[in-house]
C-alpha atoms as a PDB file:
ATOM      1  CA  UNK A   1     121.679  47.211  -4.717  1.00  0.00           C
ATOM      2  CA  UNK A   2     120.456  44.161  -6.730  1.00  0.00           C
ATOM      3  CA  UNK A   3     116.643  44.134  -7.632  1.00  0.00           C
ATOM      4  CA  UNK A   4     114.716  40.524  -6.905  1.00  0.00           C
ATOM      5  CA  UNK A   5     113.875  39.200  -9.703  1.00  0.00           C
ATOM      6  CA  UNK A   6     111.093  37.043 -10.570  1.00  0.00           C
ATOM      7  CA  UNK A   7     109.725  34.671  -8.124  1.00  0.00           C
ATOM      8  CA  UNK A   8     110.546  30.940  -8.502  1.00  0.00           C
ATOM      9  CA  UNK A   9     108.091  28.677  -9.330  1.00  0.00           C
ATOM     10  CA  UNK A  10     107.166  26.318  -6.090  1.00  0.00           C
ATOM     11  CA  UNK A  11     108.675  23.282  -6.283  1.00  0.00           C
ATOM     12  CA  UNK A  12     106.144  20.446  -6.769  1.00  0.00           C
ATOM     13  CA  UNK A  13     106.172  16.289  -6.813  1.00  0.00           C
ATOM     14  CA  UNK A  14     104.961  15.971 -10.436  1.00  0.00           C
ATOM     15  CA  UNK A  15     101.491  13.699 -10.534  1.00  0.00           C
ATOM     16  CA  UNK A  16     101.492  10.322  -9.397  1.00  0.00           C
ATOM     17  CA  UNK A  17     100.439   7.028 -10.637  1.00  0.00           C
ATOM     18  CA  UNK A  18      97.136   7.775 -10.833  1.00  0.00           C
ATOM     19  CA  UNK A  19      96.607  11.900 -11.927  1.00  0.00           C
ATOM     20  CA  UNK A  20      96.522  13.519  -8.542  1.00  0.00           C
ATOM     21  CA  UNK A  21      98.912  15.475  -7.097  1.00  0.00           C
ATOM     22  CA  UNK A  22     101.311  13.295  -4.187  1.00  0.00           C
ATOM     23  CA  UNK A  23     101.660  16.557  -2.221  1.00  0.00           C
ATOM     24  CA  UNK A  24      97.550  16.944  -1.945  1.00  0.00           C
ATOM     25  CA  UNK A  25      97.137  13.551  -0.323  1.00  0.00           C
ATOM     26  CA  UNK A  26      96.856  15.711   3.127  1.00  0.00           C
ATOM     27  CA  UNK A  27      94.568  18.324   2.204  1.00  0.00           C
ATOM     28  CA  UNK A  28      92.157  15.667   0.640  1.00  0.00           C
ATOM     29  CA  UNK A  29      92.943  13.887   3.674  1.00  0.00           C
ATOM     30  CA  UNK A  30      91.819  16.339   5.826  1.00  0.00           C
ATOM     31  CA  UNK A  31      88.655  17.016   3.625  1.00  0.00           C
ATOM     32  CA  UNK A  32      87.495  14.041   3.742  1.00  0.00           C
ATOM     33  CA  UNK A  33      87.884  13.076   7.834  1.00  0.00           C
ATOM     34  CA  UNK A  34      85.888  16.833   7.957  1.00  0.00           C
ATOM     35  CA  UNK A  35      83.309  15.735   5.449  1.00  0.00           C
ATOM     36  CA  UNK A  36      82.410  12.489   7.710  1.00  0.00           C
ATOM     37  CA  UNK A  37      82.816  14.191  10.883  1.00  0.00           C
ATOM     38  CA  UNK A  38      80.485  17.187   9.891  1.00  0.00           C
ATOM     39  CA  UNK A  39      77.660  14.563   8.038  1.00  0.00           C
ATOM     40  CA  UNK A  40      77.679  12.623  11.132  1.00  0.00           C
ATOM     41  CA  UNK A  41      77.175  15.728  13.309  1.00  0.00           C
ATOM     42  CA  UNK A  42      74.276  16.528  11.119  1.00  0.00           C
ATOM     43  CA  UNK A  43      72.848  12.580  11.699  1.00  0.00           C
ATOM     44  CA  UNK A  44      72.811  12.298  15.586  1.00  0.00           C
ATOM     45  CA  UNK A  45      73.922  15.475  17.238  1.00  0.00           C
ATOM     46  CA  UNK A  46      71.371  17.613  15.468  1.00  0.00           C
ATOM     47  CA  UNK A  47      68.167  15.832  15.881  1.00  0.00           C
ATOM     48  CA  UNK A  48      69.443  14.690  19.234  1.00  0.00           C
ATOM     49  CA  UNK A  49      69.476  18.512  20.260  1.00  0.00           C
ATOM     50  CA  UNK A  50      65.888  18.883  18.686  1.00  0.00           C
ATOM     51  CA  UNK A  51      64.345  16.052  20.780  1.00  0.00           C
ATOM     52  CA  UNK A  52      65.919  17.376  23.568  1.00  0.00           C
ATOM     53  CA  UNK A  53      64.797  21.121  23.160  1.00  0.00           C
ATOM     54  CA  UNK A  54      61.116  19.718  22.565  1.00  0.00           C
ATOM     55  CA  UNK A  55      60.988  17.550  25.500  1.00  0.00           C
ATOM     56  CA  UNK A  56      62.188  20.309  27.457  1.00  0.00           C
ATOM     57  CA  UNK A  57      60.075  23.052  26.243  1.00  0.00           C
ATOM     58  CA  UNK A  58      56.831  20.266  26.786  1.00  0.00           C
ATOM     59  CA  UNK A  59      57.706  19.974  30.474  1.00  0.00           C
ATOM     60  CA  UNK A  60      58.433  23.645  31.213  1.00  0.00           C
ATOM     61  CA  UNK A  61      54.689  23.994  28.877  1.00  0.00           C
ATOM     62  CA  UNK A  62      53.347  21.266  31.539  1.00  0.00           C
ATOM     63  CA  UNK A  63      54.280  23.215  34.547  1.00  0.00           C
ATOM     64  CA  UNK A  64      53.032  26.468  33.423  1.00  0.00           C
ATOM     65  CA  UNK A  65      49.673  24.904  32.143  1.00  0.00           C
ATOM     66  CA  UNK A  66      49.375  22.991  35.614  1.00  0.00           C
ATOM     67  CA  UNK A  67      50.150  25.775  37.734  1.00  0.00           C
ATOM     68  CA  UNK A  68      47.836  28.076  35.784  1.00  0.00           C
ATOM     69  CA  UNK A  69      44.725  24.994  36.241  1.00  0.00           C
ATOM     70  CA  UNK A  70      45.674  25.734  39.801  1.00  0.00           C
ATOM     71  CA  UNK A  71      45.696  29.171  39.883  1.00  0.00           C
ATOM     72  CA  UNK A  72      42.103  29.506  38.327  1.00  0.00           C
ATOM     73  CA  UNK A  73      40.387  26.933  40.416  1.00  0.00           C
ATOM     74  CA  UNK A  74      41.348  28.854  42.875  1.00  0.00           C
ATOM     75  CA  UNK A  75      40.540  32.364  41.629  1.00  0.00           C
ATOM     76  CA  UNK A  76      37.661  30.690  40.807  1.00  0.00           C
ATOM     77  CA  UNK A  77      36.747  29.250  44.314  1.00  0.00           C
ATOM     78  CA  UNK A  78      37.383  33.100  45.796  1.00  0.00           C
ATOM     79  CA  UNK A  79      34.969  34.819  42.891  1.00  0.00           C
ATOM     80  CA  UNK A  80      32.559  31.962  43.794  1.00  0.00           C
ATOM     81  CA  UNK A  81      32.817  32.890  47.758  1.00  0.00           C
ATOM     82  CA  UNK A  82      32.620  36.732  47.113  1.00  0.00           C
ATOM     83  CA  UNK A  83      30.119  37.119  44.401  1.00  0.00           C
ATOM     84  CA  UNK A  84      27.585  33.871  44.975  1.00  0.00           C
ATOM     85  CA  UNK A  85      24.375  35.974  45.396  1.00  0.00           C
ATOM     86  CA  UNK A  86      22.548  33.199  47.410  1.00  0.00           C
ATOM     87  CA  UNK A  87      21.766  34.805  49.756  1.00  0.00           C
ATOM     88  CA  UNK A  88      21.801  32.067  52.871  1.00  0.00           C
ATOM     89  CA  UNK A  89      24.655  30.658  52.079  1.00  0.00           C
ATOM     90  CA  UNK A  90      26.734  33.537  50.162  1.00  0.00           C
ATOM     91  CA  UNK A  91      29.818  33.511  52.438  1.00  0.00           C
ATOM     92  CA  UNK A  92      29.338  29.786  52.872  1.00  0.00           C
ATOM     93  CA  UNK A  93      33.188  28.228  51.537  1.00  0.00           C
ATOM     94  CA  UNK A  94      31.829  24.407  50.656  1.00  0.00           C
ATOM     95  CA  UNK A  95      28.850  26.370  48.118  1.00  0.00           C
ATOM     96  CA  UNK A  96      32.100  27.788  45.828  1.00  0.00           C
ATOM     97  CA  UNK A  97      34.143  24.243  46.644  1.00  0.00           C
ATOM     98  CA  UNK A  98      31.397  22.297  45.460  1.00  0.00           C
ATOM     99  CA  UNK A  99      30.641  24.480  42.007  1.00  0.00           C
ATOM    100  CA  UNK A 100      34.354  23.970  41.042  1.00  0.00           C
ATOM    101  CA  UNK A 101      33.831  20.885  42.257  1.00  0.00           C
ATOM    102  CA  UNK A 102      31.504  19.742  39.720  1.00  0.00           C
ATOM    103  CA  UNK A 103      33.127  21.447  37.154  1.00  0.00           C
ATOM    104  CA  UNK A 104      35.953  19.864  37.547  1.00  0.00           C
ATOM    105  CA  UNK A 105      34.248  16.527  37.713  1.00  0.00           C
ATOM    106  CA  UNK A 106      32.237  17.012  34.742  1.00  0.00           C
ATOM    107  CA  UNK A 107      35.171  17.649  32.738  1.00  0.00           C
ATOM    108  CA  UNK A 108      36.673  15.024  33.764  1.00  0.00           C
ATOM    109  CA  UNK A 109      34.235  12.971  33.329  1.00  0.00           C
ATOM    110  CA  UNK A 110      34.255  14.308  29.720  1.00  0.00           C
ATOM    111  CA  UNK A 111      37.508  13.060  28.929  1.00  0.00           C
ATOM    112  CA  UNK A 112      37.543   9.904  30.694  1.00  0.00           C
ATOM    113  CA  UNK A 113      34.089   8.827  27.813  1.00  0.00           C
ATOM    114  CA  UNK A 114      36.492  10.090  25.219  1.00  0.00           C
ATOM    115  CA  UNK A 115      39.094   7.926  26.379  1.00  0.00           C
ATOM    116  CA  UNK A 116      38.764   4.758  24.039  1.00  0.00           C
ATOM    117  CA  UNK A 117      37.994   4.958  20.408  1.00  0.00           C
ATOM    118  CA  UNK A 118      34.113   4.569  19.698  1.00  0.00           C
ATOM    119  CA  UNK A 119      33.020   0.985  18.822  1.00  0.00           C
ATOM    120  CA  UNK A 120      31.444   0.086  15.676  1.00  0.00           C
END
């Protein structure tokens, strides 16, 4: 039984005129393509994904905020209707509607006034 000798060195082509090995061009081309594609992805896909996520998050937050505002208004009307201490109008719903409507009107007028910068 013969024992194997030392492994034969890998056969490779010698350096070309530019000093680079001629068998590495495929790996270099693949690395260059990979770097270019990754760079394009980093500059386009990631910012667009972040912008889309911010838009979706903002829309969800706006929907939840609107739902909470409606629930707050309904709860305020119900609480005022039940616990309003004004004796002749204690169970009249229009009184609690007027109070909550007046609060929202005052808030709306305040925001309307702040819609433009002040004139100097």
